[in-house]
Amino acid sequence: MPLKKGSSQATISKNIEHCMSKFKSTGKVSGNTVSAEKARQMCAAMAYSSARKTATSKSLINKLRKK
């Protein structure tokens, strides 16, 4: 599942939303069958990780690391 590139809160939210919709249709996240709570945590972790990788300013990177 490709995540959109970007570090804005809107992009992060869309990535989490897309991941959770995939989970609801398949019951899996990244090929693993997990509970709904674990899926939410995994989706958020993947979205924030993707945002950190595309962030350019140091202040934004530090802000994302705190979450």
N, C-alpha and C. Protein backbone atom coordinates (compact mmCIF):
# COMPACT_ATOMS: atom_id res chain seq x y z
N MET A 1 0.85 -1.16 0.00
CA MET A 1 0.00 0.00 0.00
C MET A 1 0.90 1.24 0.00
N PRO A 2 0.93 1.96 -1.11
CA PRO A 2 1.77 3.16 -1.15
C PRO A 2 1.14 4.30 -0.36
N LEU A 3 1.95 4.95 0.43
CA LEU A 3 1.48 6.10 1.19
C LEU A 3 1.80 7.37 0.40
N LYS A 4 0.96 8.38 0.56
CA LYS A 4 1.23 9.65 -0.11
C LYS A 4 2.41 10.32 0.56
N LYS A 5 3.21 11.00 -0.22
CA LYS A 5 4.35 11.72 0.32
C LYS A 5 3.88 13.07 0.84
N GLY A 6 4.47 13.49 1.93
CA GLY A 6 4.13 14.78 2.51
C GLY A 6 4.14 14.70 4.02
N SER A 7 4.31 15.86 4.63
CA SER A 7 4.39 15.87 6.10
C SER A 7 3.32 16.74 6.73
N SER A 8 2.36 17.19 5.95
CA SER A 8 1.29 18.00 6.53
C SER A 8 0.33 17.11 7.31
N GLN A 9 -0.39 17.70 8.23
CA GLN A 9 -1.34 16.94 9.04
C GLN A 9 -2.42 16.32 8.16
N ALA A 10 -2.81 17.03 7.09
CA ALA A 10 -3.83 16.50 6.18
C ALA A 10 -3.33 15.24 5.47
N THR A 11 -2.08 15.23 5.05
CA THR A 11 -1.51 14.06 4.38
C THR A 11 -1.41 12.89 5.34
N ILE A 12 -0.97 13.16 6.56
CA ILE A 12 -0.87 12.10 7.57
C ILE A 12 -2.24 11.50 7.85
N SER A 13 -3.24 12.35 7.99
CA SER A 13 -4.60 11.87 8.24
C SER A 13 -5.13 11.03 7.09
N LYS A 14 -4.88 11.47 5.86
CA LYS A 14 -5.32 10.71 4.69
C LYS A 14 -4.63 9.35 4.63
N ASN A 15 -3.34 9.31 4.97
CA ASN A 15 -2.62 8.04 4.96
C ASN A 15 -3.18 7.07 6.00
N ILE A 16 -3.50 7.58 7.17
CA ILE A 16 -4.09 6.74 8.21
C ILE A 16 -5.47 6.26 7.76
N GLU A 17 -6.25 7.17 7.21
CA GLU A 17 -7.59 6.83 6.74
C GLU A 17 -7.55 5.75 5.65
N HIS A 18 -6.62 5.90 4.71
CA HIS A 18 -6.48 4.92 3.63
C HIS A 18 -6.07 3.55 4.18
N CYS A 19 -5.13 3.56 5.09
CA CYS A 19 -4.66 2.31 5.70
C CYS A 19 -5.79 1.61 6.46
N MET A 20 -6.57 2.37 7.21
CA MET A 20 -7.67 1.78 7.98
C MET A 20 -8.79 1.26 7.07
N SER A 21 -9.02 1.93 5.95
CA SER A 21 -10.04 1.43 5.02
C SER A 21 -9.58 0.11 4.40
N LYS A 22 -8.29 -0.01 4.12
CA LYS A 22 -7.75 -1.28 3.62
C LYS A 22 -7.90 -2.36 4.69
N PHE A 23 -7.64 -2.01 5.95
CA PHE A 23 -7.79 -2.97 7.04
C PHE A 23 -9.23 -3.44 7.16
N LYS A 24 -10.17 -2.52 7.05
CA LYS A 24 -11.59 -2.89 7.18
C LYS A 24 -12.04 -3.83 6.07
N SER A 25 -11.45 -3.68 4.87
CA SER A 25 -11.86 -4.53 3.77
C SER A 25 -11.15 -5.88 3.76
N THR A 26 -9.90 -5.92 4.25
CA THR A 26 -9.13 -7.17 4.20
C THR A 26 -8.91 -7.81 5.57
N GLY A 27 -8.94 -7.01 6.64
CA GLY A 27 -8.65 -7.52 7.98
C GLY A 27 -7.16 -7.65 8.25
N LYS A 28 -6.34 -7.06 7.36
CA LYS A 28 -4.89 -7.15 7.52
C LYS A 28 -4.25 -5.78 7.34
N VAL A 29 -3.09 -5.62 7.99
CA VAL A 29 -2.25 -4.45 7.81
C VAL A 29 -0.86 -4.96 7.48
N SER A 30 -0.32 -4.55 6.36
CA SER A 30 1.00 -4.99 5.89
C SER A 30 1.11 -6.51 5.87
N GLY A 31 0.04 -7.16 5.50
CA GLY A 31 0.06 -8.62 5.38
C GLY A 31 -0.16 -9.37 6.68
N ASN A 32 -0.34 -8.66 7.78
CA ASN A 32 -0.53 -9.29 9.09
C ASN A 32 -1.98 -9.14 9.55
N THR A 33 -2.57 -10.21 10.05
CA THR A 33 -3.90 -10.15 10.63
C THR A 33 -3.75 -9.67 12.07
N VAL A 34 -4.39 -8.53 12.38
CA VAL A 34 -4.27 -7.93 13.71
C VAL A 34 -5.63 -7.43 14.17
N SER A 35 -5.70 -7.04 15.44
CA SER A 35 -6.94 -6.47 15.98
C SER A 35 -7.12 -5.05 15.45
N ALA A 36 -8.30 -4.50 15.62
CA ALA A 36 -8.59 -3.15 15.14
C ALA A 36 -7.72 -2.10 15.84
N GLU A 37 -7.51 -2.26 17.13
CA GLU A 37 -6.67 -1.31 17.89
C GLU A 37 -5.23 -1.37 17.41
N LYS A 38 -4.71 -2.56 17.21
CA LYS A 38 -3.34 -2.73 16.73
C LYS A 38 -3.21 -2.17 15.31
N ALA A 39 -4.24 -2.36 14.50
CA ALA A 39 -4.24 -1.83 13.13
C ALA A 39 -4.16 -0.31 13.15
N ARG A 40 -4.92 0.32 14.04
CA ARG A 40 -4.89 1.78 14.15
C ARG A 40 -3.51 2.27 14.54
N GLN A 41 -2.89 1.58 15.49
CA GLN A 41 -1.55 1.96 15.92
C GLN A 41 -0.53 1.78 14.80
N MET A 42 -0.63 0.67 14.07
CA MET A 42 0.30 0.40 12.98
C MET A 42 0.12 1.41 11.84
N CYS A 43 -1.12 1.75 11.52
CA CYS A 43 -1.38 2.72 10.46
C CYS A 43 -0.82 4.09 10.83
N ALA A 44 -1.01 4.49 12.07
CA ALA A 44 -0.48 5.78 12.53
C ALA A 44 1.04 5.77 12.49
N ALA A 45 1.65 4.68 12.92
CA ALA A 45 3.11 4.59 12.91
C ALA A 45 3.66 4.69 11.49
N MET A 46 3.02 4.01 10.55
CA MET A 46 3.47 4.06 9.16
C MET A 46 3.30 5.46 8.57
N ALA A 47 2.19 6.12 8.89
CA ALA A 47 1.93 7.46 8.36
C ALA A 47 2.94 8.47 8.90
N TYR A 48 3.21 8.42 10.20
CA TYR A 48 4.17 9.35 10.79
C TYR A 48 5.59 9.05 10.33
N SER A 49 5.92 7.79 10.13
CA SER A 49 7.23 7.43 9.62
C SER A 49 7.42 7.98 8.21
N SER A 50 6.41 7.85 7.39
CA SER A 50 6.46 8.37 6.03
C SER A 50 6.62 9.89 6.05
N ALA A 51 5.91 10.55 6.95
CA ALA A 51 5.99 12.02 7.06
C ALA A 51 7.39 12.45 7.48
N ARG A 52 7.99 11.73 8.42
CA ARG A 52 9.35 12.07 8.84
C ARG A 52 10.34 11.95 7.69
N LYS A 53 10.15 10.95 6.85
CA LYS A 53 11.07 10.74 5.73
C LYS A 53 10.97 11.84 4.68
N THR A 54 9.80 12.47 4.56
CA THR A 54 9.63 13.52 3.55
C THR A 54 9.77 14.92 4.12
N ALA A 55 9.86 15.05 5.44
CA ALA A 55 9.98 16.37 6.07
C ALA A 55 11.33 16.99 5.72
N THR A 56 11.34 18.31 5.53
CA THR A 56 12.58 18.98 5.13
C THR A 56 13.15 19.88 6.21
N SER A 57 12.31 20.53 6.99
CA SER A 57 12.84 21.45 7.98
C SER A 57 13.10 20.73 9.30
N LYS A 58 14.13 21.16 10.00
CA LYS A 58 14.49 20.51 11.27
C LYS A 58 13.40 20.67 12.31
N SER A 59 12.74 21.82 12.35
CA SER A 59 11.69 22.02 13.35
C SER A 59 10.52 21.07 13.09
N LEU A 60 10.19 20.84 11.83
CA LEU A 60 9.10 19.92 11.50
C LEU A 60 9.49 18.49 11.85
N ILE A 61 10.73 18.12 11.57
CA ILE A 61 11.20 16.78 11.90
C ILE A 61 11.13 16.56 13.41
N ASN A 62 11.58 17.53 14.19
CA ASN A 62 11.54 17.39 15.64
C ASN A 62 10.10 17.31 16.14
N LYS A 63 9.19 18.06 15.54
CA LYS A 63 7.79 18.03 15.93
C LYS A 63 7.20 16.64 15.68
N LEU A 64 7.51 16.05 14.54
CA LEU A 64 6.98 14.74 14.20
C LEU A 64 7.59 13.65 15.08
N ARG A 65 8.82 13.80 15.50
CA ARG A 65 9.47 12.80 16.35
C ARG A 65 8.84 12.73 17.72
N LYS A 66 8.26 13.83 18.19
CA LYS A 66 7.66 13.88 19.52
C LYS A 66 6.35 13.11 19.58
N LYS A 67 5.71 12.80 18.44
CA LYS A 67 4.42 12.13 18.42
C LYS A 67 4.54 10.65 18.48
